[in-house]
PDB file of N, CA and C in Angstrom:
ATOM      1  N   MET A   1    -113.474  84.825  14.547  1.00  0.00           N
ATOM      2  CA  MET A   1    -112.227  84.241  14.110  1.00  0.00           C
ATOM      3  C   MET A   1    -111.145  85.313  13.963  1.00  0.00           C
ATOM      4  N   GLN A   2    -111.556  86.500  13.556  1.00  0.00           N
ATOM      5  CA  GLN A   2    -110.602  87.585  13.380  1.00  0.00           C
ATOM      6  C   GLN A   2    -109.950  87.960  14.716  1.00  0.00           C
ATOM      7  N   SER A   3    -110.746  87.982  15.797  1.00  0.00           N
ATOM      8  CA  SER A   3    -110.175  88.345  17.100  1.00  0.00           C
ATOM      9  C   SER A   3    -109.206  87.274  17.585  1.00  0.00           C
ATOM     10  N   ARG A   4    -109.472  86.045  17.266  1.00  0.00           N
ATOM     11  CA  ARG A   4    -108.564  84.958  17.654  1.00  0.00           C
ATOM     12  C   ARG A   4    -107.243  85.097  16.885  1.00  0.00           C
ATOM     13  N   ASN A   5    -107.333  85.421  15.607  1.00  0.00           N
ATOM     14  CA  ASN A   5    -106.135  85.628  14.806  1.00  0.00           C
ATOM     15  C   ASN A   5    -105.327  86.802  15.360  1.00  0.00           C
ATOM     16  N   ARG A   6    -106.009  87.865  15.738  1.00  0.00           N
ATOM     17  CA  ARG A   6    -105.343  89.043  16.296  1.00  0.00           C
ATOM     18  C   ARG A   6    -104.664  88.679  17.623  1.00  0.00           C
ATOM     19  N   LEU A   7    -105.337  87.867  18.427  1.00  0.00           N
ATOM     20  CA  LEU A   7    -104.766  87.429  19.700  1.00  0.00           C
ATOM     21  C   LEU A   7    -103.502  86.607  19.462  1.00  0.00           C
ATOM     22  N   MET A   8    -103.526  85.717  18.501  1.00  0.00           N
ATOM     23  CA  MET A   8    -102.350  84.910  18.189  1.00  0.00           C
ATOM     24  C   MET A   8    -101.221  85.784  17.657  1.00  0.00           C
ATOM     25  N   ASP A   9    -101.546  86.767  16.808  1.00  0.00           N
ATOM     26  CA  ASP A   9    -100.526  87.691  16.303  1.00  0.00           C
ATOM     27  C   ASP A   9     -99.889  88.472  17.451  1.00  0.00           C
ATOM     28  N   ASP A  10    -100.731  88.967  18.377  1.00  0.00           N
ATOM     29  CA  ASP A  10    -100.208  89.717  19.514  1.00  0.00           C
ATOM     30  C   ASP A  10     -99.346  88.836  20.405  1.00  0.00           C
ATOM     31  N   LEU A  11     -99.808  87.607  20.621  1.00  0.00           N
ATOM     32  CA  LEU A  11     -99.040  86.668  21.434  1.00  0.00           C
ATOM     33  C   LEU A  11     -97.707  86.336  20.766  1.00  0.00           C
ATOM     34  N   GLY A  12     -97.741  86.129  19.465  1.00  0.00           N
ATOM     35  CA  GLY A  12     -96.506  85.865  18.717  1.00  0.00           C
ATOM     36  C   GLY A  12     -95.546  87.036  18.781  1.00  0.00           C
ATOM     37  N   GLN A  13     -96.083  88.255  18.663  1.00  0.00           N
ATOM     38  CA  GLN A  13     -95.246  89.456  18.741  1.00  0.00           C
ATOM     39  C   GLN A  13     -94.652  89.603  20.143  1.00  0.00           C
ATOM     40  N   LEU A  14     -95.454  89.311  21.159  1.00  0.00           N
ATOM     41  CA  LEU A  14     -94.977  89.374  22.541  1.00  0.00           C
ATOM     42  C   LEU A  14     -93.836  88.387  22.765  1.00  0.00           C
ATOM     43  N   MET A  15     -93.989  87.171  22.249  1.00  0.00           N
ATOM     44  CA  MET A  15     -92.938  86.158  22.405  1.00  0.00           C
ATOM     45  C   MET A  15     -91.672  86.570  21.649  1.00  0.00           C
ATOM     46  N   THR A  16     -91.844  87.133  20.466  1.00  0.00           N
ATOM     47  CA  THR A  16     -90.690  87.593  19.690  1.00  0.00           C
ATOM     48  C   THR A  16     -89.946  88.696  20.447  1.00  0.00           C
ATOM     49  N   ASN A  17     -90.700  89.637  20.992  1.00  0.00           N
ATOM     50  CA  ASN A  17     -90.074  90.721  21.753  1.00  0.00           C
ATOM     51  C   ASN A  17     -89.384  90.193  23.003  1.00  0.00           C
ATOM     52  N   ALA A  18     -90.010  89.226  23.675  1.00  0.00           N
ATOM     53  CA  ALA A  18     -89.414  88.652  24.876  1.00  0.00           C
ATOM     54  C   ALA A  18     -88.109  87.941  24.532  1.00  0.00           C
ATOM     55  N   MET A  19     -88.089  87.246  23.415  1.00  0.00           N
ATOM     56  CA  MET A  19     -86.857  86.565  23.002  1.00  0.00           C
ATOM     57  C   MET A  19     -85.764  87.571  22.672  1.00  0.00           C
ATOM     58  N   GLY A  20     -86.148  88.678  22.066  1.00  0.00           N
ATOM     59  CA  GLY A  20     -85.172  89.730  21.770  1.00  0.00           C
ATOM     60  C   GLY A  20     -84.579  90.313  23.039  1.00  0.00           C
ATOM     61  N   VAL A  21     -85.419  90.545  24.029  1.00  0.00           N
ATOM     62  CA  VAL A  21     -84.949  91.077  25.312  1.00  0.00           C
ATOM     63  C   VAL A  21     -84.037  90.060  25.994  1.00  0.00           C
ATOM     64  N   ALA A  22     -84.435  88.789  25.960  1.00  0.00           N
ATOM     65  CA  ALA A  22     -83.617  87.745  26.582  1.00  0.00           C
ATOM     66  C   ALA A  22     -82.265  87.633  25.890  1.00  0.00           C
ATOM     67  N   GLN A  23     -82.265  87.722  24.571  1.00  0.00           N
ATOM     68  CA  GLN A  23     -81.008  87.651  23.812  1.00  0.00           C
ATOM     69  C   GLN A  23     -80.101  88.823  24.177  1.00  0.00           C
ATOM     70  N   GLY A  24     -80.684  90.022  24.273  1.00  0.00           N
ATOM     71  CA  GLY A  24     -79.911  91.202  24.652  1.00  0.00           C
ATOM     72  C   GLY A  24     -79.342  91.071  26.052  1.00  0.00           C
ATOM     73  N   ALA A  25     -80.153  90.549  26.974  1.00  0.00           N
ATOM     74  CA  ALA A  25     -79.693  90.359  28.357  1.00  0.00           C
ATOM     75  C   ALA A  25     -78.559  89.337  28.407  1.00  0.00           C
ATOM     76  N   ARG A  26     -78.679  88.277  27.621  1.00  0.00           N
ATOM     77  CA  ARG A  26     -77.629  87.254  27.588  1.00  0.00           C
ATOM     78  C   ARG A  26     -76.328  87.853  27.077  1.00  0.00           C
ATOM     79  N   GLU A  27     -76.402  88.621  25.995  1.00  0.00           N
ATOM     80  CA  GLU A  27     -75.188  89.233  25.439  1.00  0.00           C
ATOM     81  C   GLU A  27     -74.572  90.217  26.428  1.00  0.00           C
ATOM     82  N   GLU A  28     -75.416  90.979  27.121  1.00  0.00           N
ATOM     83  CA  GLU A  28     -74.905  91.923  28.111  1.00  0.00           C
ATOM     84  C   GLU A  28     -74.243  91.186  29.270  1.00  0.00           C
ATOM     85  N   ALA A  29     -74.846  90.078  29.704  1.00  0.00           N
ATOM     86  CA  ALA A  29     -74.256  89.284  30.794  1.00  0.00           C
ATOM     87  C   ALA A  29     -72.925  88.677  30.353  1.00  0.00           C
ATOM     88  N   GLU A  30     -72.847  88.187  29.126  1.00  0.00           N
ATOM     89  CA  GLU A  30     -71.586  87.625  28.627  1.00  0.00           C
ATOM     90  C   GLU A  30     -70.502  88.689  28.580  1.00  0.00           C
ATOM     91  N   THR A  31     -70.854  89.886  28.108  1.00  0.00           N
ATOM     92  CA  THR A  31     -69.885  90.981  28.039  1.00  0.00           C
ATOM     93  C   THR A  31     -69.399  91.357  29.437  1.00  0.00           C
ATOM     94  N   ALA A  32     -70.326  91.420  30.388  1.00  0.00           N
ATOM     95  CA  ALA A  32     -69.952  91.770  31.761  1.00  0.00           C
ATOM     96  C   ALA A  32     -69.046  90.699  32.367  1.00  0.00           C
ATOM     97  N   MET A  33     -69.368  89.432  32.145  1.00  0.00           N
ATOM     98  CA  MET A  33     -68.545  88.350  32.691  1.00  0.00           C
ATOM     99  C   MET A  33     -67.153  88.345  32.059  1.00  0.00           C
ATOM    100  N   LYS A  34     -67.091  88.570  30.756  1.00  0.00           N
ATOM    101  CA  LYS A  34     -65.788  88.607  30.080  1.00  0.00           C
ATOM    102  C   LYS A  34     -64.951  89.760  30.624  1.00  0.00           C
ATOM    103  N   SER A  35     -65.578  90.902  30.828  1.00  0.00           N
ATOM    104  CA  SER A  35     -64.872  92.053  31.365  1.00  0.00           C
ATOM    105  C   SER A  35     -64.350  91.763  32.773  1.00  0.00           C
ATOM    106  N   MET A  36     -65.184  91.148  33.605  1.00  0.00           N
ATOM    107  CA  MET A  36     -64.759  90.800  34.964  1.00  0.00           C
ATOM    108  C   MET A  36     -63.610  89.797  34.936  1.00  0.00           C
ATOM    109  N   LEU A  37     -63.694  88.810  34.062  1.00  0.00           N
ATOM    110  CA  LEU A  37     -62.636  87.805  33.962  1.00  0.00           C
ATOM    111  C   LEU A  37     -61.339  88.432  33.468  1.00  0.00           C
ATOM    112  N   ASP A  38     -61.428  89.327  32.482  1.00  0.00           N
ATOM    113  CA  ASP A  38     -60.236  90.014  31.986  1.00  0.00           C
ATOM    114  C   ASP A  38     -59.570  90.825  33.094  1.00  0.00           C
ATOM    115  N   ARG A  39     -60.374  91.544  33.881  1.00  0.00           N
ATOM    116  CA  ARG A  39     -59.812  92.326  34.989  1.00  0.00           C
ATOM    117  C   ARG A  39     -59.190  91.414  36.038  1.00  0.00           C
ATOM    118  N   TRP A  40     -59.857  90.309  36.364  1.00  0.00           N
ATOM    119  CA  TRP A  40     -59.340  89.373  37.359  1.00  0.00           C
ATOM    120  C   TRP A  40     -57.999  88.803  36.912  1.00  0.00           C
ATOM    121  N   MET A  41     -57.919  88.412  35.645  1.00  0.00           N
ATOM    122  CA  MET A  41     -56.666  87.848  35.134  1.00  0.00           C
ATOM    123  C   MET A  41     -55.570  88.906  35.083  1.00  0.00           C
ATOM    124  N   ALA A  42     -55.913  90.128  34.720  1.00  0.00           N
ATOM    125  CA  ALA A  42     -54.912  91.204  34.670  1.00  0.00           C
ATOM    126  C   ALA A  42     -54.366  91.496  36.070  1.00  0.00           C
ATOM    127  N   ASP A  43     -55.226  91.403  37.072  1.00  0.00           N
ATOM    128  CA  ASP A  43     -54.781  91.651  38.449  1.00  0.00           C
ATOM    129  C   ASP A  43     -53.823  90.580  38.947  1.00  0.00           C
ATOM    130  N   ARG A  44     -53.826  89.413  38.354  1.00  0.00           N
ATOM    131  CA  ARG A  44     -52.975  88.322  38.798  1.00  0.00           C
ATOM    132  C   ARG A  44     -51.679  88.205  38.004  1.00  0.00           C
ATOM    133  N   ASP A  45     -51.428  89.144  37.135  1.00  0.00           N
ATOM    134  CA  ASP A  45     -50.186  89.188  36.356  1.00  0.00           C
ATOM    135  C   ASP A  45     -49.937  87.915  35.565  1.00  0.00           C
ATOM    136  N   PHE A  46     -50.989  87.324  35.027  1.00  0.00           N
ATOM    137  CA  PHE A  46     -50.809  86.185  34.140  1.00  0.00           C
ATOM    138  C   PHE A  46     -50.157  86.668  32.856  1.00  0.00           C
ATOM    139  N   VAL A  47     -49.416  85.796  32.217  1.00  0.00           N
ATOM    140  CA  VAL A  47     -48.788  86.156  30.951  1.00  0.00           C
ATOM    141  C   VAL A  47     -49.609  85.575  29.805  1.00  0.00           C
ATOM    142  N   THR A  48     -49.417  86.183  28.647  1.00  0.00           N
ATOM    143  CA  THR A  48     -50.096  85.665  27.466  1.00  0.00           C
ATOM    144  C   THR A  48     -49.359  84.433  26.968  1.00  0.00           C
ATOM    145  N   ARG A  49     -49.989  83.684  26.128  1.00  0.00           N
ATOM    146  CA  ARG A  49     -49.371  82.487  25.557  1.00  0.00           C
ATOM    147  C   ARG A  49     -48.126  82.867  24.764  1.00  0.00           C
ATOM    148  N   GLU A  50     -48.200  83.982  24.052  1.00  0.00           N
ATOM    149  CA  GLU A  50     -47.052  84.430  23.251  1.00  0.00           C
ATOM    150  C   GLU A  50     -45.865  84.767  24.147  1.00  0.00           C
ATOM    151  N   GLU A  51     -46.131  85.461  25.275  1.00  0.00           N
ATOM    152  CA  GLU A  51     -45.048  85.787  26.199  1.00  0.00           C
ATOM    153  C   GLU A  51     -44.445  84.516  26.796  1.00  0.00           C
ATOM    154  N   PHE A  52     -45.293  83.579  27.165  1.00  0.00           N
ATOM    155  CA  PHE A  52     -44.821  82.319  27.738  1.00  0.00           C
ATOM    156  C   PHE A  52     -43.948  81.574  26.740  1.00  0.00           C
ATOM    157  N   ASP A  53     -44.407  81.475  25.492  1.00  0.00           N
ATOM    158  CA  ASP A  53     -43.644  80.766  24.466  1.00  0.00           C
ATOM    159  C   ASP A  53     -42.304  81.446  24.203  1.00  0.00           C
ATOM    160  N   ALA A  54     -42.283  82.781  24.224  1.00  0.00           N
ATOM    161  CA  ALA A  54     -41.032  83.512  23.985  1.00  0.00           C
ATOM    162  C   ALA A  54     -40.028  83.238  25.103  1.00  0.00           C
ATOM    163  N   VAL A  55     -40.489  83.274  26.347  1.00  0.00           N
ATOM    164  CA  VAL A  55     -39.586  83.016  27.486  1.00  0.00           C
ATOM    165  C   VAL A  55     -39.126  81.563  27.477  1.00  0.00           C
ATOM    166  N   ARG A  56     -40.016  80.655  27.122  1.00  0.00           N
ATOM    167  CA  ARG A  56     -39.629  79.242  27.054  1.00  0.00           C
ATOM    168  C   ARG A  56     -38.558  79.029  25.984  1.00  0.00           C
ATOM    169  N   ALA A  57     -38.694  79.695  24.843  1.00  0.00           N
ATOM    170  CA  ALA A  57     -37.695  79.575  23.785  1.00  0.00           C
ATOM    171  C   ALA A  57     -36.349  80.150  24.247  1.00  0.00           C
ATOM    172  N   MET A  58     -36.389  81.266  24.972  1.00  0.00           N
ATOM    173  CA  MET A  58     -35.152  81.856  25.485  1.00  0.00           C
ATOM    174  C   MET A  58     -34.488  80.918  26.488  1.00  0.00           C
ATOM    175  N   ALA A  59     -35.291  80.302  27.347  1.00  0.00           N
ATOM    176  CA  ALA A  59     -34.734  79.377  28.340  1.00  0.00           C
ATOM    177  C   ALA A  59     -34.124  78.153  27.662  1.00  0.00           C
ATOM    178  N   GLN A  60     -34.779  77.652  26.634  1.00  0.00           N
ATOM    179  CA  GLN A  60     -34.250  76.498  25.902  1.00  0.00           C
ATOM    180  C   GLN A  60     -32.911  76.844  25.252  1.00  0.00           C
ATOM    181  N   LYS A  61     -32.840  78.027  24.643  1.00  0.00           N
ATOM    182  CA  LYS A  61     -31.587  78.457  24.013  1.00  0.00           C
ATOM    183  C   LYS A  61     -30.483  78.605  25.065  1.00  0.00           C
ATOM    184  N   ALA A  62     -30.824  79.165  26.224  1.00  0.00           N
ATOM    185  CA  ALA A  62     -29.831  79.331  27.290  1.00  0.00           C
ATOM    186  C   ALA A  62     -29.343  77.971  27.787  1.00  0.00           C
ATOM    187  N   ARG A  63     -30.261  76.998  27.923  1.00  0.00           N
ATOM    188  CA  ARG A  63     -29.852  75.644  28.342  1.00  0.00           C
ATOM    189  C   ARG A  63     -28.902  75.027  27.317  1.00  0.00           C
ATOM    190  N   GLU A  64     -29.222  75.193  26.043  1.00  0.00           N
ATOM    191  CA  GLU A  64     -28.361  74.625  24.999  1.00  0.00           C
ATOM    192  C   GLU A  64     -26.984  75.273  25.020  1.00  0.00           C
ATOM    193  N   GLU A  65     -26.942  76.599  25.205  1.00  0.00           N
ATOM    194  CA  GLU A  65     -25.659  77.295  25.280  1.00  0.00           C
ATOM    195  C   GLU A  65     -24.885  76.853  26.523  1.00  0.00           C
ATOM    196  N   ASN A  66     -25.591  76.676  27.624  1.00  0.00           N
ATOM    197  CA  ASN A  66     -24.958  76.227  28.862  1.00  0.00           C
ATOM    198  C   ASN A  66     -24.369  74.827  28.683  1.00  0.00           C
ATOM    199  N   ASP A  67     -25.125  73.936  28.044  1.00  0.00           N
ATOM    200  CA  ASP A  67     -24.614  72.581  27.799  1.00  0.00           C
ATOM    201  C   ASP A  67     -23.378  72.611  26.903  1.00  0.00           C
ATOM    202  N   ALA A  68     -23.395  73.465  25.877  1.00  0.00           N
ATOM    203  CA  ALA A  68     -22.243  73.570  24.979  1.00  0.00           C
ATOM    204  C   ALA A  68     -21.023  74.101  25.734  1.00  0.00           C
ATOM    205  N   LEU A  69     -21.232  75.115  26.570  1.00  0.00           N
ATOM    206  CA  LEU A  69     -20.118  75.671  27.341  1.00  0.00           C
ATOM    207  C   LEU A  69     -19.591  74.660  28.354  1.00  0.00           C
ATOM    208  N   ARG A  70     -20.499  73.894  28.966  1.00  0.00           N
ATOM    209  CA  ARG A  70     -20.071  72.878  29.922  1.00  0.00           C
ATOM    210  C   ARG A  70     -19.218  71.816  29.218  1.00  0.00           C
ATOM    211  N   ALA A  71     -19.642  71.392  28.047  1.00  0.00           N
ATOM    212  CA  ALA A  71     -18.876  70.397  27.290  1.00  0.00           C
ATOM    213  C   ALA A  71     -17.509  70.960  26.915  1.00  0.00           C
ATOM    214  N   ARG A  72     -17.499  72.220  26.529  1.00  0.00           N
ATOM    215  CA  ARG A  72     -16.224  72.852  26.163  1.00  0.00           C
ATOM    216  C   ARG A  72     -15.303  72.961  27.379  1.00  0.00           C
ATOM    217  N   LEU A  73     -15.886  73.355  28.517  1.00  0.00           N
ATOM    218  CA  LEU A  73     -15.099  73.463  29.741  1.00  0.00           C
ATOM    219  C   LEU A  73     -14.572  72.101  30.169  1.00  0.00           C
ATOM    220  N   ASP A  74     -15.417  71.078  30.083  1.00  0.00           N
ATOM    221  CA  ASP A  74     -14.977  69.723  30.431  1.00  0.00           C
ATOM    222  C   ASP A  74     -13.837  69.281  29.518  1.00  0.00           C
ATOM    223  N   ALA A  75     -13.929  69.619  28.246  1.00  0.00           N
ATOM    224  CA  ALA A  75     -12.869  69.245  27.300  1.00  0.00           C
ATOM    225  C   ALA A  75     -11.572  69.978  27.648  1.00  0.00           C
ATOM    226  N   LEU A  76     -11.679  71.268  27.975  1.00  0.00           N
ATOM    227  CA  LEU A  76     -10.479  72.037  28.333  1.00  0.00           C
ATOM    228  C   LEU A  76      -9.865  71.522  29.635  1.00  0.00           C
ATOM    229  N   GLU A  77     -10.725  71.223  30.604  1.00  0.00           N
ATOM    230  CA  GLU A  77     -10.203  70.689  31.861  1.00  0.00           C
ATOM    231  C   GLU A  77      -9.572  69.319  31.650  1.00  0.00           C
ATOM    232  N   GLY A  78     -10.142  68.551  30.748  1.00  0.00           N
ATOM    233  CA  GLY A  78      -9.576  67.245  30.442  1.00  0.00           C
ATOM    234  C   GLY A  78      -8.189  67.376  29.823  1.00  0.00           C
ATOM    235  N   LYS A  79      -8.028  68.331  28.906  1.00  0.00           N
ATOM    236  CA  LYS A  79      -6.712  68.556  28.283  1.00  0.00           C
ATOM    237  C   LYS A  79      -5.727  69.079  29.314  1.00  0.00           C
ATOM    238  N   HIS A  80      -6.195  69.973  30.172  1.00  0.00           N
ATOM    239  CA  HIS A  80      -5.312  70.554  31.194  1.00  0.00           C
ATOM    240  C   HIS A  80      -4.915  69.471  32.203  1.00  0.00           C
ATOM    241  N   GLY A  81      -5.847  68.639  32.593  1.00  0.00           N
ATOM    242  CA  GLY A  81      -5.551  67.574  33.540  1.00  0.00           C
ATOM    243  C   GLY A  81      -4.589  66.573  32.952  1.00  0.00           C
ATOM    244  N   ALA A  82      -4.725  66.268  31.660  1.00  0.00           N
ATOM    245  CA  ALA A  82      -3.834  65.319  31.006  1.00  0.00           C
ATOM    246  C   ALA A  82      -2.429  65.909  30.855  1.00  0.00           C
ATOM    247  N   ALA A  83      -2.347  67.224  30.650  1.00  0.00           N
ATOM    248  CA  ALA A  83      -1.041  67.869  30.478  1.00  0.00           C
ATOM    249  C   ALA A  83      -0.288  67.961  31.798  1.00  0.00           C
ATOM    250  N   THR A  84      -0.971  68.052  32.907  1.00  0.00           N
ATOM    251  CA  THR A  84      -0.290  68.185  34.196  1.00  0.00           C
ATOM    252  C   THR A  84       0.120  66.840  34.781  1.00  0.00           C
ATOM    253  N   HIS A  85      -0.363  65.749  34.237  1.00  0.00           N
ATOM    254  CA  HIS A  85      -0.008  64.425  34.776  1.00  0.00           C
ATOM    255  C   HIS A  85       1.147  63.855  34.097  1.00  0.00           C
TER     256      HIS A  85
END
């Protein structure tokens, strides 16, 4: 019975070690894939979400300023057109 217990202990230890190796391999593969993906994205000049949001906010502000200037110009042209008639 003692040898059977020893065999089960050895088998359990072997399985524990195998799981540890598998876990390490998985983490190493994840790190390698993340690194490859980061390099791939950097090579394509993608922007970060923060950069995108900042440019979008600037574009929105420029559109609003453009609309305000257009309204002002239309009002001035309207006054000028009314004065010349």
